[in-house]
Amino acid sequence: VVPGETALAFYKAKNPTDKPVIGISTYNVVPFEAGQYFNKIQCFCFEEQRLNPQEEVDMPVFFYIDPEFAEDPKMAKVDLITLSYTFFEAKEGQKLPLPGYK
């Protein structure tokens, strides 16, 4: 992905159980320092996802790397950014804490 250009990636998720699952996702960017330049425009992770029994789906992420990434001397040796997701079952009534807030 060229900094400043938009890109579309897909993540595959499968519900291997015999019951519907409603899940939410959290993401991680490696290296950590590159995370400030990673911008999601549209993402399956913005809302809960329902997967029916044995259902397999492709979940899209529309994103771009901020052009300032290329100007940051700390990023000079970074040529690979990894975006990963953890998809887990949502529990009714449970709210996730906002990062940086207590």
C-alpha atoms as a PDB file:
ATOM      1  CA  VAL A   1       0.000   0.000   0.000  1.00  0.00           C
ATOM      2  CA  VAL A   2       1.379   3.383  -0.973  1.00  0.00           C
ATOM      3  CA  PRO A   3       0.998   6.004   1.784  1.00  0.00           C
ATOM      4  CA  GLY A   4      -1.940   8.285   0.985  1.00  0.00           C
ATOM      5  CA  GLU A   5      -3.717   5.781  -1.270  1.00  0.00           C
ATOM      6  CA  THR A   6      -6.779   3.885  -0.088  1.00  0.00           C
ATOM      7  CA  ALA A   7      -6.795   0.100   0.063  1.00  0.00           C
ATOM      8  CA  LEU A   8      -9.309  -2.641   0.712  1.00  0.00           C
ATOM      9  CA  ALA A   9      -8.502  -5.816   2.642  1.00  0.00           C
ATOM     10  CA  PHE A  10     -10.699  -8.739   3.652  1.00  0.00           C
ATOM     11  CA  TYR A  11     -10.555 -10.903   6.755  1.00  0.00           C
ATOM     12  CA  LYS A  12     -12.224 -14.308   6.809  1.00  0.00           C
ATOM     13  CA  ALA A  13     -14.272 -15.379   9.818  1.00  0.00           C
ATOM     14  CA  LYS A  14     -16.056 -18.672  10.401  1.00  0.00           C
ATOM     15  CA  ASN A  15     -18.486 -19.742  13.070  1.00  0.00           C
ATOM     16  CA  PRO A  16     -17.650 -23.447  13.532  1.00  0.00           C
ATOM     17  CA  THR A  17     -20.441 -23.977  16.085  1.00  0.00           C
ATOM     18  CA  ASP A  18     -24.055 -25.062  15.726  1.00  0.00           C
ATOM     19  CA  LYS A  19     -25.404 -21.824  17.221  1.00  0.00           C
ATOM     20  CA  PRO A  20     -25.452 -18.213  16.035  1.00  0.00           C
ATOM     21  CA  VAL A  21     -22.674 -16.021  17.429  1.00  0.00           C
ATOM     22  CA  ILE A  22     -22.624 -12.252  17.769  1.00  0.00           C
ATOM     23  CA  GLY A  23     -19.064 -11.014  17.942  1.00  0.00           C
ATOM     24  CA  ILE A  24     -16.970  -7.894  18.110  1.00  0.00           C
ATOM     25  CA  SER A  25     -13.424  -7.288  16.976  1.00  0.00           C
ATOM     26  CA  THR A  26     -10.409  -5.489  18.307  1.00  0.00           C
ATOM     27  CA  TYR A  27      -7.400  -4.688  16.168  1.00  0.00           C
ATOM     28  CA  ASN A  28      -3.658  -4.388  16.525  1.00  0.00           C
ATOM     29  CA  VAL A  29      -1.060  -2.680  14.316  1.00  0.00           C
ATOM     30  CA  VAL A  30       2.585  -3.817  14.304  1.00  0.00           C
ATOM     31  CA  PRO A  31       4.989  -2.130  14.603  1.00  0.00           C
ATOM     32  CA  PHE A  32       3.201  -0.177  17.307  1.00  0.00           C
ATOM     33  CA  GLU A  33       4.736   3.152  16.218  1.00  0.00           C
ATOM     34  CA  ALA A  34       3.120   2.822  12.777  1.00  0.00           C
ATOM     35  CA  GLY A  35      -0.344   2.658  14.328  1.00  0.00           C
ATOM     36  CA  GLN A  36      -0.642   6.438  14.447  1.00  0.00           C
ATOM     37  CA  TYR A  37      -0.490   6.492  10.642  1.00  0.00           C
ATOM     38  CA  PHE A  38      -3.039   3.731  10.060  1.00  0.00           C
ATOM     39  CA  ASN A  39      -6.529   5.110   9.310  1.00  0.00           C
ATOM     40  CA  LYS A  40      -9.632   2.949   8.917  1.00  0.00           C
ATOM     41  CA  ILE A  41     -12.316   4.563   6.762  1.00  0.00           C
ATOM     42  CA  GLN A  42     -14.786   1.701   6.961  1.00  0.00           C
ATOM     43  CA  CYS A  43     -14.420  -1.489   8.964  1.00  0.00           C
ATOM     44  CA  PHE A  44     -16.418  -4.503  10.075  1.00  0.00           C
ATOM     45  CA  CYS A  45     -14.934  -3.823  13.513  1.00  0.00           C
ATOM     46  CA  PHE A  46     -17.034  -0.658  13.941  1.00  0.00           C
ATOM     47  CA  GLU A  47     -20.070  -2.749  14.901  1.00  0.00           C
ATOM     48  CA  GLU A  48     -21.074  -6.189  16.141  1.00  0.00           C
ATOM     49  CA  GLN A  49     -21.213  -8.995  13.578  1.00  0.00           C
ATOM     50  CA  ARG A  50     -23.629 -11.921  13.580  1.00  0.00           C
ATOM     51  CA  LEU A  51     -22.413 -15.230  12.221  1.00  0.00           C
ATOM     52  CA  ASN A  52     -24.931 -18.029  11.753  1.00  0.00           C
ATOM     53  CA  PRO A  53     -24.002 -21.661  12.490  1.00  0.00           C
ATOM     54  CA  GLN A  54     -21.197 -22.857  10.194  1.00  0.00           C
ATOM     55  CA  GLU A  55     -21.257 -19.527   8.319  1.00  0.00           C
ATOM     56  CA  GLU A  56     -18.033 -18.217   6.797  1.00  0.00           C
ATOM     57  CA  VAL A  57     -17.808 -14.575   5.716  1.00  0.00           C
ATOM     58  CA  ASP A  58     -15.291 -12.145   4.263  1.00  0.00           C
ATOM     59  CA  MET A  59     -15.191  -8.955   6.324  1.00  0.00           C
ATOM     60  CA  PRO A  60     -13.855  -5.781   4.645  1.00  0.00           C
ATOM     61  CA  VAL A  61     -11.559  -3.052   5.934  1.00  0.00           C
ATOM     62  CA  PHE A  62     -11.177   0.100   3.831  1.00  0.00           C
ATOM     63  CA  PHE A  63      -8.112   2.057   4.974  1.00  0.00           C
ATOM     64  CA  TYR A  64      -5.119   4.219   4.128  1.00  0.00           C
ATOM     65  CA  ILE A  65      -1.687   4.963   5.541  1.00  0.00           C
ATOM     66  CA  ASP A  66      -1.270   8.674   6.288  1.00  0.00           C
ATOM     67  CA  PRO A  67       1.202  10.260   3.822  1.00  0.00           C
ATOM     68  CA  GLU A  68       3.135  11.672   6.800  1.00  0.00           C
ATOM     69  CA  PHE A  69       4.300   8.092   7.410  1.00  0.00           C
ATOM     70  CA  ALA A  70       6.805   8.529   4.552  1.00  0.00           C
ATOM     71  CA  GLU A  71       8.160  11.758   6.089  1.00  0.00           C
ATOM     72  CA  ASP A  72       8.733  10.365   9.591  1.00  0.00           C
ATOM     73  CA  PRO A  73      12.427   9.454  10.078  1.00  0.00           C
ATOM     74  CA  LYS A  74      11.421   6.866  12.715  1.00  0.00           C
ATOM     75  CA  MET A  75       9.504   4.988  10.005  1.00  0.00           C
ATOM     76  CA  ALA A  76      12.391   4.985   7.483  1.00  0.00           C
ATOM     77  CA  LYS A  77      13.177   1.291   8.019  1.00  0.00           C
ATOM     78  CA  VAL A  78       9.543   0.168   8.279  1.00  0.00           C
ATOM     79  CA  ASP A  79       8.504  -1.569   5.084  1.00  0.00           C
ATOM     80  CA  LEU A  80       5.877  -3.897   6.542  1.00  0.00           C
ATOM     81  CA  ILE A  81       2.843  -3.016   8.653  1.00  0.00           C
ATOM     82  CA  THR A  82       0.718  -5.869   9.979  1.00  0.00           C
ATOM     83  CA  LEU A  83      -2.944  -5.346  10.842  1.00  0.00           C
ATOM     84  CA  SER A  84      -4.508  -8.154  12.857  1.00  0.00           C
ATOM     85  CA  TYR A  85      -7.897  -8.660  14.472  1.00  0.00           C
ATOM     86  CA  THR A  86      -9.184 -10.655  17.404  1.00  0.00           C
ATOM     87  CA  PHE A  87     -12.827 -11.621  16.938  1.00  0.00           C
ATOM     88  CA  PHE A  88     -14.618 -12.697  20.093  1.00  0.00           C
ATOM     89  CA  GLU A  89     -18.162 -13.332  21.244  1.00  0.00           C
ATOM     90  CA  ALA A  90     -19.987 -10.281  22.556  1.00  0.00           C
ATOM     91  CA  LYS A  91     -21.670 -10.650  25.922  1.00  0.00           C
ATOM     92  CA  GLU A  92     -25.055  -8.983  26.258  1.00  0.00           C
ATOM     93  CA  GLY A  93     -24.893  -5.835  28.352  1.00  0.00           C
ATOM     94  CA  GLN A  94     -21.089  -5.840  28.506  1.00  0.00           C
ATOM     95  CA  LYS A  95     -19.409  -2.618  27.392  1.00  0.00           C
ATOM     96  CA  LEU A  96     -15.761  -2.432  26.412  1.00  0.00           C
ATOM     97  CA  PRO A  97     -13.722   0.348  28.031  1.00  0.00           C
ATOM     98  CA  LEU A  98     -12.503   3.106  25.735  1.00  0.00           C
ATOM     99  CA  PRO A  99      -8.702   3.053  25.345  1.00  0.00           C
ATOM    100  CA  GLY A 100      -6.993   5.717  27.432  1.00  0.00           C
ATOM    101  CA  TYR A 101     -10.034   6.351  29.616  1.00  0.00           C
ATOM    102  CA  LYS A 102     -10.782   5.012  33.071  1.00  0.00           C
END
